[in-house]
Amino acid sequence: MLKAILRKEHKNRWERRVALTPDSVAELHSAGLRIDIENCNTRVFSNASYLAAGAELVQTPDRHDLVLGIKEPPITSIQTDQLHLCFSHTIKGQDYNMPLLQKFIDQRATLIDYELMTNEQGMRTIAFGRYAGIAGAIDTLWLYVKKLRLNGRVSCLEGLKQTWEYKTLAEAEQALQRLDT
């Protein structure tokens, strides 16, 4: 039987996104597919919500055939003959991830990059949407404030935090509105 796991995200400590929701795990579980979850306290959904959906909690993805994630996995986590689904950041020849790609080759592991999934018309089926754009805009403003500070200047955006520091979109919107007053 195929052993699948929803791994935790390692690249950024604030990463909360997931490749599967608890509802998706429950649906897959009822269809006969076992989905484990790697222990993680930063996901947008709690471990308990996945356990209630039929998942089992594990500490590492080492013994799993199928590994699902969002960002690229840690190089050390790639095991022989595993199948990984993620945004690998390798398709454009990104230098910093060539060791990752080499590890997949060395381990005879399979990489399916979300960026390459397309429909019959060749259009991507998995991409960042509206909320990624909003997060990018907020983080760009936050970075701009830091740059101004380095040059001894002050901005009306001084109270702005990085996106990951807001619990909800509404909280981020309220913070932006307060800056406007």
N, C-alpha and C. Protein backbone atom coordinates (compact mmCIF):
# COMPACT_ATOMS: atom_id res chain seq x y z
N MET A 1 0.84 -1.19 0.00
CA MET A 1 0.00 0.00 0.00
C MET A 1 0.88 1.25 0.00
N LEU A 2 0.51 2.23 -0.80
CA LEU A 2 1.22 3.50 -0.89
C LEU A 2 1.15 4.24 0.44
N LYS A 3 2.30 4.69 0.91
CA LYS A 3 2.34 5.49 2.14
C LYS A 3 2.62 6.93 1.75
N ALA A 4 1.68 7.81 2.04
CA ALA A 4 1.81 9.23 1.69
C ALA A 4 1.92 10.06 2.96
N ILE A 5 2.59 11.20 2.83
CA ILE A 5 2.75 12.10 3.98
C ILE A 5 2.65 13.55 3.53
N LEU A 6 2.00 14.33 4.36
CA LEU A 6 2.01 15.79 4.23
C LEU A 6 3.14 16.26 5.13
N ARG A 7 4.24 16.70 4.52
CA ARG A 7 5.39 17.08 5.32
C ARG A 7 5.25 18.52 5.81
N LYS A 8 5.99 18.82 6.86
CA LYS A 8 6.01 20.20 7.34
C LYS A 8 6.93 21.01 6.44
N GLU A 9 6.71 22.29 6.42
CA GLU A 9 7.53 23.19 5.60
C GLU A 9 8.73 23.63 6.42
N HIS A 10 9.91 23.55 5.83
CA HIS A 10 11.15 23.83 6.55
C HIS A 10 11.83 25.13 6.11
N LYS A 11 11.49 25.63 4.94
CA LYS A 11 12.26 26.73 4.37
C LYS A 11 12.13 28.03 5.18
N ASN A 12 10.92 28.37 5.57
CA ASN A 12 10.68 29.61 6.32
C ASN A 12 9.92 29.28 7.60
N ARG A 13 10.38 29.79 8.71
CA ARG A 13 9.77 29.46 10.00
C ARG A 13 8.32 29.89 10.09
N TRP A 14 7.91 30.83 9.26
CA TRP A 14 6.55 31.35 9.33
C TRP A 14 5.61 30.67 8.34
N GLU A 15 6.10 29.75 7.56
CA GLU A 15 5.27 29.13 6.51
C GLU A 15 4.10 28.37 7.12
N ARG A 16 2.89 28.72 6.70
CA ARG A 16 1.68 28.10 7.23
C ARG A 16 0.90 27.34 6.17
N ARG A 17 1.28 27.52 4.90
CA ARG A 17 0.52 26.89 3.81
C ARG A 17 0.65 25.38 3.84
N VAL A 18 -0.35 24.72 3.26
CA VAL A 18 -0.37 23.26 3.22
C VAL A 18 -0.76 22.78 1.83
N ALA A 19 -0.30 21.59 1.49
CA ALA A 19 -0.65 20.99 0.21
C ALA A 19 -2.01 20.29 0.26
N LEU A 20 -2.44 19.89 1.45
CA LEU A 20 -3.74 19.25 1.64
C LEU A 20 -4.42 19.82 2.88
N THR A 21 -5.71 20.04 2.78
CA THR A 21 -6.51 20.44 3.93
C THR A 21 -6.96 19.19 4.68
N PRO A 22 -7.42 19.34 5.92
CA PRO A 22 -7.98 18.17 6.62
C PRO A 22 -9.15 17.54 5.86
N ASP A 23 -9.99 18.35 5.22
CA ASP A 23 -11.10 17.80 4.43
C ASP A 23 -10.58 16.93 3.29
N SER A 24 -9.51 17.35 2.64
CA SER A 24 -8.91 16.56 1.56
C SER A 24 -8.34 15.25 2.10
N VAL A 25 -7.71 15.32 3.26
CA VAL A 25 -7.16 14.12 3.89
C VAL A 25 -8.29 13.15 4.21
N ALA A 26 -9.40 13.66 4.74
CA ALA A 26 -10.55 12.80 5.06
C ALA A 26 -11.11 12.14 3.81
N GLU A 27 -11.20 12.90 2.73
CA GLU A 27 -11.71 12.35 1.47
C GLU A 27 -10.78 11.26 0.93
N LEU A 28 -9.49 11.50 0.97
CA LEU A 28 -8.52 10.50 0.51
C LEU A 28 -8.53 9.27 1.42
N HIS A 29 -8.68 9.51 2.72
CA HIS A 29 -8.74 8.42 3.69
C HIS A 29 -9.95 7.53 3.43
N SER A 30 -11.10 8.15 3.16
CA SER A 30 -12.31 7.37 2.90
C SER A 30 -12.21 6.60 1.58
N ALA A 31 -11.33 7.05 0.68
CA ALA A 31 -11.11 6.34 -0.59
C ALA A 31 -10.04 5.26 -0.44
N GLY A 32 -9.51 5.10 0.78
CA GLY A 32 -8.55 4.03 1.03
C GLY A 32 -7.09 4.43 1.02
N LEU A 33 -6.78 5.72 0.90
CA LEU A 33 -5.39 6.17 0.89
C LEU A 33 -5.01 6.69 2.27
N ARG A 34 -3.98 6.12 2.83
CA ARG A 34 -3.50 6.57 4.14
C ARG A 34 -2.61 7.79 3.93
N ILE A 35 -2.91 8.85 4.68
CA ILE A 35 -2.09 10.07 4.66
C ILE A 35 -1.59 10.32 6.08
N ASP A 36 -0.29 10.32 6.25
CA ASP A 36 0.29 10.70 7.52
C ASP A 36 0.61 12.19 7.45
N ILE A 37 0.83 12.79 8.61
CA ILE A 37 1.28 14.19 8.64
C ILE A 37 2.54 14.26 9.49
N GLU A 38 3.48 15.05 9.02
CA GLU A 38 4.68 15.29 9.82
C GLU A 38 4.31 16.30 10.90
N ASN A 39 4.72 16.02 12.11
CA ASN A 39 4.41 16.89 13.24
C ASN A 39 4.82 18.33 12.93
N CYS A 40 3.88 19.27 13.10
CA CYS A 40 4.14 20.68 12.78
C CYS A 40 3.17 21.56 13.56
N ASN A 41 3.70 22.59 14.20
CA ASN A 41 2.86 23.50 14.97
C ASN A 41 2.60 24.82 14.27
N THR A 42 3.09 24.98 13.04
CA THR A 42 2.91 26.26 12.36
C THR A 42 1.91 26.20 11.21
N ARG A 43 1.43 25.01 10.83
CA ARG A 43 0.46 24.91 9.74
C ARG A 43 -0.79 25.72 10.05
N VAL A 44 -1.46 26.13 9.00
CA VAL A 44 -2.71 26.86 9.16
C VAL A 44 -3.77 25.98 9.83
N PHE A 45 -3.68 24.67 9.64
CA PHE A 45 -4.58 23.72 10.31
C PHE A 45 -3.79 22.98 11.38
N SER A 46 -4.42 22.70 12.50
CA SER A 46 -3.73 22.03 13.60
C SER A 46 -3.51 20.55 13.31
N ASN A 47 -2.53 19.98 14.00
CA ASN A 47 -2.32 18.53 13.92
C ASN A 47 -3.61 17.80 14.26
N ALA A 48 -4.32 18.29 15.29
CA ALA A 48 -5.55 17.63 15.74
C ALA A 48 -6.60 17.57 14.63
N SER A 49 -6.69 18.60 13.80
CA SER A 49 -7.69 18.59 12.73
C SER A 49 -7.36 17.53 11.68
N TYR A 50 -6.08 17.28 11.46
CA TYR A 50 -5.68 16.21 10.53
C TYR A 50 -5.91 14.84 11.15
N LEU A 51 -5.63 14.72 12.45
CA LEU A 51 -5.86 13.44 13.13
C LEU A 51 -7.34 13.09 13.11
N ALA A 52 -8.20 14.09 13.31
CA ALA A 52 -9.65 13.87 13.26
C ALA A 52 -10.09 13.44 11.86
N ALA A 53 -9.32 13.81 10.85
CA ALA A 53 -9.65 13.46 9.46
C ALA A 53 -9.11 12.08 9.08
N GLY A 54 -8.43 11.41 10.02
CA GLY A 54 -7.94 10.06 9.74
C GLY A 54 -6.45 9.95 9.53
N ALA A 55 -5.73 11.06 9.63
CA ALA A 55 -4.27 11.02 9.44
C ALA A 55 -3.59 10.48 10.69
N GLU A 56 -2.37 10.04 10.51
CA GLU A 56 -1.53 9.65 11.64
C GLU A 56 -0.37 10.62 11.73
N LEU A 57 0.05 10.93 12.94
CA LEU A 57 1.13 11.88 13.19
C LEU A 57 2.46 11.13 13.23
N VAL A 58 3.44 11.60 12.45
CA VAL A 58 4.77 11.00 12.45
C VAL A 58 5.81 12.12 12.58
N GLN A 59 7.03 11.73 12.89
CA GLN A 59 8.08 12.73 13.11
C GLN A 59 8.88 13.06 11.86
N THR A 60 8.98 12.13 10.91
CA THR A 60 9.75 12.38 9.69
C THR A 60 9.07 11.70 8.50
N PRO A 61 9.37 12.17 7.29
CA PRO A 61 8.81 11.54 6.09
C PRO A 61 9.69 10.42 5.52
N ASP A 62 10.63 9.93 6.31
CA ASP A 62 11.64 8.98 5.82
C ASP A 62 11.08 7.71 5.20
N ARG A 63 10.01 7.18 5.74
CA ARG A 63 9.51 5.88 5.28
C ARG A 63 8.26 6.00 4.42
N HIS A 64 8.15 7.08 3.71
CA HIS A 64 6.96 7.31 2.89
C HIS A 64 7.31 7.30 1.41
N ASP A 65 6.39 6.80 0.62
CA ASP A 65 6.58 6.72 -0.83
C ASP A 65 6.29 8.05 -1.51
N LEU A 66 5.25 8.73 -1.04
CA LEU A 66 4.77 9.98 -1.63
C LEU A 66 4.86 11.08 -0.58
N VAL A 67 5.56 12.16 -0.91
CA VAL A 67 5.77 13.27 0.03
C VAL A 67 5.20 14.53 -0.60
N LEU A 68 4.21 15.12 0.09
CA LEU A 68 3.54 16.32 -0.41
C LEU A 68 3.96 17.53 0.40
N GLY A 69 4.30 18.61 -0.28
CA GLY A 69 4.67 19.84 0.38
C GLY A 69 4.38 21.03 -0.50
N ILE A 70 4.74 22.21 -0.04
CA ILE A 70 4.57 23.44 -0.82
C ILE A 70 5.94 23.85 -1.39
N LYS A 71 6.84 24.23 -0.53
CA LYS A 71 8.18 24.64 -0.96
C LYS A 71 9.07 23.41 -1.08
N GLU A 72 10.28 23.62 -1.60
CA GLU A 72 11.19 22.50 -1.79
C GLU A 72 11.55 21.86 -0.44
N PRO A 73 11.74 20.53 -0.46
CA PRO A 73 12.07 19.83 0.79
C PRO A 73 13.54 20.03 1.16
N PRO A 74 13.87 19.81 2.43
CA PRO A 74 15.29 19.83 2.80
C PRO A 74 16.03 18.73 2.03
N ILE A 75 17.21 19.02 1.56
CA ILE A 75 17.98 18.06 0.78
C ILE A 75 18.16 16.75 1.55
N THR A 76 18.39 16.85 2.83
CA THR A 76 18.66 15.65 3.64
C THR A 76 17.44 14.75 3.80
N SER A 77 16.26 15.25 3.48
CA SER A 77 15.04 14.45 3.68
C SER A 77 14.69 13.56 2.49
N ILE A 78 15.35 13.74 1.37
CA ILE A 78 15.00 13.00 0.15
C ILE A 78 15.57 11.58 0.24
N GLN A 79 14.68 10.61 0.15
CA GLN A 79 15.06 9.21 0.27
C GLN A 79 14.98 8.50 -1.08
N THR A 80 15.68 7.40 -1.20
CA THR A 80 15.70 6.61 -2.42
C THR A 80 14.29 6.22 -2.84
N ASP A 81 14.00 6.45 -4.11
CA ASP A 81 12.75 6.05 -4.76
C ASP A 81 11.50 6.79 -4.27
N GLN A 82 11.64 7.83 -3.47
CA GLN A 82 10.47 8.61 -3.06
C GLN A 82 9.95 9.44 -4.22
N LEU A 83 8.67 9.79 -4.13
CA LEU A 83 8.03 10.71 -5.07
C LEU A 83 7.67 11.97 -4.29
N HIS A 84 8.17 13.13 -4.72
CA HIS A 84 7.90 14.40 -4.05
C HIS A 84 7.09 15.31 -4.97
N LEU A 85 6.05 15.93 -4.42
CA LEU A 85 5.30 16.97 -5.12
C LEU A 85 5.52 18.27 -4.37
N CYS A 86 5.99 19.31 -5.08
CA CYS A 86 6.26 20.61 -4.46
C CYS A 86 6.63 21.62 -5.53
N PHE A 87 6.75 22.87 -5.12
CA PHE A 87 7.40 23.88 -5.95
C PHE A 87 8.89 23.74 -5.67
N SER A 88 9.65 23.19 -6.60
CA SER A 88 11.06 22.87 -6.33
C SER A 88 12.01 24.04 -6.61
N HIS A 89 11.57 25.02 -7.36
CA HIS A 89 12.43 26.14 -7.74
C HIS A 89 13.71 25.65 -8.41
N THR A 90 13.52 24.72 -9.35
CA THR A 90 14.66 24.19 -10.12
C THR A 90 14.45 24.32 -11.63
N ILE A 91 13.22 24.47 -12.08
CA ILE A 91 12.91 24.38 -13.50
C ILE A 91 13.58 25.48 -14.33
N LYS A 92 13.82 26.62 -13.71
CA LYS A 92 14.46 27.73 -14.44
C LYS A 92 15.98 27.71 -14.24
N GLY A 93 16.47 26.60 -13.72
CA GLY A 93 17.91 26.48 -13.51
C GLY A 93 18.43 27.30 -12.35
N GLN A 94 17.58 27.53 -11.33
CA GLN A 94 18.01 28.34 -10.19
C GLN A 94 19.23 27.69 -9.53
N ASP A 95 20.34 28.41 -9.57
CA ASP A 95 21.62 27.88 -9.07
C ASP A 95 21.53 27.35 -7.65
N TYR A 96 20.83 28.08 -6.78
CA TYR A 96 20.81 27.70 -5.37
C TYR A 96 20.12 26.37 -5.13
N ASN A 97 19.34 25.87 -6.09
CA ASN A 97 18.67 24.59 -5.89
C ASN A 97 19.19 23.47 -6.79
N MET A 98 20.30 23.69 -7.46
CA MET A 98 20.87 22.60 -8.26
C MET A 98 21.35 21.43 -7.38
N PRO A 99 21.87 21.69 -6.16
CA PRO A 99 22.19 20.55 -5.28
C PRO A 99 20.94 19.72 -4.94
N LEU A 100 19.79 20.39 -4.79
CA LEU A 100 18.54 19.68 -4.54
C LEU A 100 18.19 18.77 -5.71
N LEU A 101 18.27 19.30 -6.90
CA LEU A 101 17.98 18.51 -8.09
C LEU A 101 18.95 17.33 -8.21
N GLN A 102 20.21 17.57 -7.91
CA GLN A 102 21.21 16.49 -7.95
C GLN A 102 20.88 15.40 -6.93
N LYS A 103 20.40 15.81 -5.76
CA LYS A 103 20.03 14.83 -4.72
C LYS A 103 18.90 13.93 -5.22
N PHE A 104 17.91 14.52 -5.90
CA PHE A 104 16.84 13.71 -6.48
C PHE A 104 17.41 12.68 -7.46
N ILE A 105 18.34 13.12 -8.28
CA ILE A 105 18.96 12.21 -9.26
C ILE A 105 19.75 11.11 -8.54
N ASP A 106 20.56 11.51 -7.57
CA ASP A 106 21.39 10.55 -6.85
C ASP A 106 20.56 9.51 -6.10
N GLN A 107 19.42 9.92 -5.58
CA GLN A 107 18.57 9.03 -4.80
C GLN A 107 17.56 8.27 -5.67
N ARG A 108 17.59 8.51 -6.97
CA ARG A 108 16.59 7.93 -7.88
C ARG A 108 15.18 8.27 -7.40
N ALA A 109 15.03 9.44 -6.83
CA ALA A 109 13.73 9.92 -6.36
C ALA A 109 13.07 10.71 -7.50
N THR A 110 11.76 10.76 -7.46
CA THR A 110 11.00 11.46 -8.50
C THR A 110 10.51 12.79 -7.97
N LEU A 111 10.65 13.82 -8.78
CA LEU A 111 10.19 15.17 -8.43
C LEU A 111 9.10 15.57 -9.41
N ILE A 112 7.94 15.91 -8.88
CA ILE A 112 6.88 16.50 -9.69
C ILE A 112 6.72 17.93 -9.20
N ASP A 113 7.05 18.87 -10.07
CA ASP A 113 7.02 20.28 -9.72
C ASP A 113 5.66 20.86 -10.08
N TYR A 114 4.98 21.44 -9.08
CA TYR A 114 3.66 22.03 -9.32
C TYR A 114 3.69 23.03 -10.47
N GLU A 115 4.82 23.71 -10.61
CA GLU A 115 4.94 24.76 -11.64
C GLU A 115 4.76 24.19 -13.05
N LEU A 116 4.99 22.91 -13.21
CA LEU A 116 4.91 22.29 -14.54
C LEU A 116 3.59 21.60 -14.82
N MET A 117 2.67 21.62 -13.86
CA MET A 117 1.37 20.97 -14.08
C MET A 117 0.50 21.89 -14.92
N THR A 118 0.09 21.39 -16.08
CA THR A 118 -0.70 22.20 -17.01
C THR A 118 -1.92 21.42 -17.49
N ASN A 119 -2.89 22.17 -18.02
CA ASN A 119 -4.06 21.54 -18.61
C ASN A 119 -3.81 21.28 -20.10
N GLU A 120 -4.85 20.85 -20.80
CA GLU A 120 -4.71 20.52 -22.23
C GLU A 120 -4.29 21.73 -23.07
N GLN A 121 -4.61 22.93 -22.61
CA GLN A 121 -4.24 24.14 -23.34
C GLN A 121 -2.84 24.65 -22.96
N GLY A 122 -2.16 23.92 -22.09
CA GLY A 122 -0.82 24.32 -21.68
C GLY A 122 -0.80 25.37 -20.58
N MET A 123 -1.94 25.68 -19.99
CA MET A 123 -2.00 26.66 -18.91
C MET A 123 -1.73 25.97 -17.57
N ARG A 124 -0.97 26.66 -16.71
CA ARG A 124 -0.68 26.11 -15.39
C ARG A 124 -1.97 25.89 -14.61
N THR A 125 -2.02 24.77 -13.89
CA THR A 125 -3.19 24.47 -13.08
C THR A 125 -2.96 24.76 -11.60
N ILE A 126 -1.72 24.94 -11.21
CA ILE A 126 -1.39 25.28 -9.83
C ILE A 126 -0.51 26.52 -9.87
N ALA A 127 -0.99 27.59 -9.24
CA ALA A 127 -0.24 28.84 -9.25
C ALA A 127 -0.63 29.66 -8.03
N PHE A 128 0.14 30.66 -7.79
CA PHE A 128 -0.19 31.58 -6.70
C PHE A 128 -1.33 32.47 -7.14
N GLY A 129 -2.21 32.76 -6.24
CA GLY A 129 -3.39 33.54 -6.57
C GLY A 129 -3.41 34.89 -5.90
N ARG A 130 -4.60 35.38 -5.71
CA ARG A 130 -4.84 36.71 -5.17
C ARG A 130 -4.13 36.94 -3.83
N TYR A 131 -4.24 35.97 -2.93
CA TYR A 131 -3.69 36.17 -1.59
C TYR A 131 -2.17 36.20 -1.58
N ALA A 132 -1.55 35.45 -2.46
CA ALA A 132 -0.09 35.53 -2.59
C ALA A 132 0.31 36.91 -3.06
N GLY A 133 -0.47 37.49 -3.95
CA GLY A 133 -0.20 38.85 -4.43
C GLY A 133 -0.34 39.88 -3.32
N ILE A 134 -1.37 39.72 -2.49
CA ILE A 134 -1.56 40.63 -1.36
C ILE A 134 -0.39 40.50 -0.39
N ALA A 135 -0.02 39.27 -0.07
CA ALA A 135 1.11 39.04 0.84
C ALA A 135 2.38 39.65 0.28
N GLY A 136 2.61 39.49 -1.01
CA GLY A 136 3.79 40.05 -1.65
C GLY A 136 3.81 41.57 -1.58
N ALA A 137 2.64 42.18 -1.75
CA ALA A 137 2.55 43.65 -1.69
C ALA A 137 2.85 44.16 -0.27
N ILE A 138 2.29 43.50 0.73
CA ILE A 138 2.54 43.91 2.12
C ILE A 138 4.02 43.75 2.45
N ASP A 139 4.60 42.62 2.08
CA ASP A 139 6.02 42.39 2.37
C ASP A 139 6.92 43.37 1.62
N THR A 140 6.53 43.76 0.43
CA THR A 140 7.30 44.75 -0.33
C THR A 140 7.27 46.10 0.39
N LEU A 141 6.11 46.50 0.90
CA LEU A 141 6.01 47.75 1.66
C LEU A 141 6.85 47.68 2.93
N TRP A 142 6.80 46.55 3.62
CA TRP A 142 7.58 46.36 4.84
C TRP A 142 9.07 46.51 4.54
N LEU A 143 9.52 45.92 3.45
CA LEU A 143 10.93 46.00 3.05
C LEU A 143 11.31 47.43 2.67
N TYR A 144 10.39 48.14 2.03
CA TYR A 144 10.63 49.53 1.65
C TYR A 144 10.85 50.39 2.90
N VAL A 145 10.04 50.15 3.95
CA VAL A 145 10.20 50.88 5.21
C VAL A 145 11.59 50.62 5.79
N LYS A 146 12.04 49.37 5.75
CA LYS A 146 13.38 49.05 6.25
C LYS A 146 14.45 49.80 5.47
N LYS A 147 14.30 49.88 4.17
CA LYS A 147 15.27 50.58 3.32
C LYS A 147 15.29 52.07 3.66
N LEU A 148 14.11 52.66 3.85
CA LEU A 148 14.04 54.07 4.22
C LEU A 148 14.77 54.31 5.54
N ARG A 149 14.53 53.42 6.52
CA ARG A 149 15.18 53.56 7.82
C ARG A 149 16.70 53.54 7.70
N LEU A 150 17.21 52.66 6.85
CA LEU A 150 18.67 52.58 6.64
C LEU A 150 19.23 53.90 6.10
N ASN A 151 18.39 54.65 5.40
CA ASN A 151 18.80 55.94 4.84
C ASN A 151 18.40 57.10 5.74
N GLY A 152 17.99 56.78 6.99
CA GLY A 152 17.65 57.82 7.95
C GLY A 152 16.33 58.51 7.70
N ARG A 153 15.45 57.89 6.96
CA ARG A 153 14.15 58.49 6.65
C ARG A 153 13.04 57.75 7.38
N VAL A 154 11.95 58.46 7.60
CA VAL A 154 10.79 57.90 8.29
C VAL A 154 9.64 57.83 7.30
N SER A 155 8.79 56.83 7.49
CA SER A 155 7.65 56.63 6.58
C SER A 155 6.36 56.54 7.38
N CYS A 156 5.26 56.86 6.72
CA CYS A 156 3.94 56.70 7.35
C CYS A 156 3.59 55.22 7.51
N LEU A 157 4.40 54.32 6.95
CA LEU A 157 4.15 52.88 7.02
C LEU A 157 4.93 52.22 8.17
N GLU A 158 5.46 53.02 9.08
CA GLU A 158 6.34 52.52 10.14
C GLU A 158 5.79 51.35 10.94
N GLY A 159 4.51 51.27 11.15
CA GLY A 159 3.95 50.19 11.98
C GLY A 159 3.68 48.89 11.25
N LEU A 160 3.95 48.87 9.98
CA LEU A 160 3.64 47.68 9.17
C LEU A 160 4.55 46.51 9.53
N LYS A 161 3.96 45.32 9.63
CA LYS A 161 4.71 44.10 9.94
C LYS A 161 4.78 43.23 8.69
N GLN A 162 5.62 42.20 8.74
CA GLN A 162 5.65 41.23 7.65
C GLN A 162 4.34 40.44 7.65
N THR A 163 3.97 39.95 6.50
CA THR A 163 2.69 39.25 6.34
C THR A 163 2.53 38.11 7.33
N TRP A 164 3.56 37.33 7.53
CA TRP A 164 3.44 36.16 8.40
C TRP A 164 3.09 36.53 9.84
N GLU A 165 3.29 37.78 10.22
CA GLU A 165 3.01 38.21 11.59
C GLU A 165 1.54 38.54 11.81
N TYR A 166 0.75 38.58 10.75
CA TYR A 166 -0.69 38.79 10.86
C TYR A 166 -1.39 37.44 10.84
N LYS A 167 -2.36 37.25 11.73
CA LYS A 167 -3.07 35.96 11.78
C LYS A 167 -4.08 35.81 10.65
N THR A 168 -4.67 36.93 10.21
CA THR A 168 -5.70 36.87 9.18
C THR A 168 -5.52 38.04 8.21
N LEU A 169 -6.18 37.92 7.07
CA LEU A 169 -6.17 39.01 6.10
C LEU A 169 -6.84 40.24 6.71
N ALA A 170 -7.92 40.03 7.45
CA ALA A 170 -8.63 41.16 8.07
C ALA A 170 -7.70 41.92 9.02
N GLU A 171 -6.88 41.21 9.76
CA GLU A 171 -5.93 41.86 10.68
C GLU A 171 -4.92 42.71 9.90
N ALA A 172 -4.44 42.20 8.78
CA ALA A 172 -3.51 42.96 7.94
C ALA A 172 -4.19 44.20 7.36
N GLU A 173 -5.43 44.04 6.91
CA GLU A 173 -6.17 45.17 6.35
C GLU A 173 -6.40 46.25 7.41
N GLN A 174 -6.73 45.83 8.63
CA GLN A 174 -6.93 46.80 9.72
C GLN A 174 -5.64 47.55 10.02
N ALA A 175 -4.53 46.86 10.00
CA ALA A 175 -3.23 47.51 10.24
C ALA A 175 -2.95 48.55 9.17
N LEU A 176 -3.24 48.22 7.92
CA LEU A 176 -3.04 49.18 6.82
C LEU A 176 -3.96 50.38 6.97
N GLN A 177 -5.19 50.16 7.38
CA GLN A 177 -6.14 51.26 7.57
C GLN A 177 -5.68 52.18 8.70
N ARG A 178 -5.14 51.61 9.77
CA ARG A 178 -4.64 52.43 10.89
C ARG A 178 -3.47 53.30 10.45
N LEU A 179 -2.67 52.81 9.53
CA LEU A 179 -1.53 53.58 9.04
C LEU A 179 -1.98 54.79 8.24
N ASP A 180 -3.16 54.68 7.66
CA ASP A 180 -3.70 55.74 6.80
C ASP A 180 -4.25 56.91 7.60
N THR A 181 -4.43 56.75 8.91
CA THR A 181 -5.04 57.82 9.71
C THR A 181 -4.02 58.73 10.33
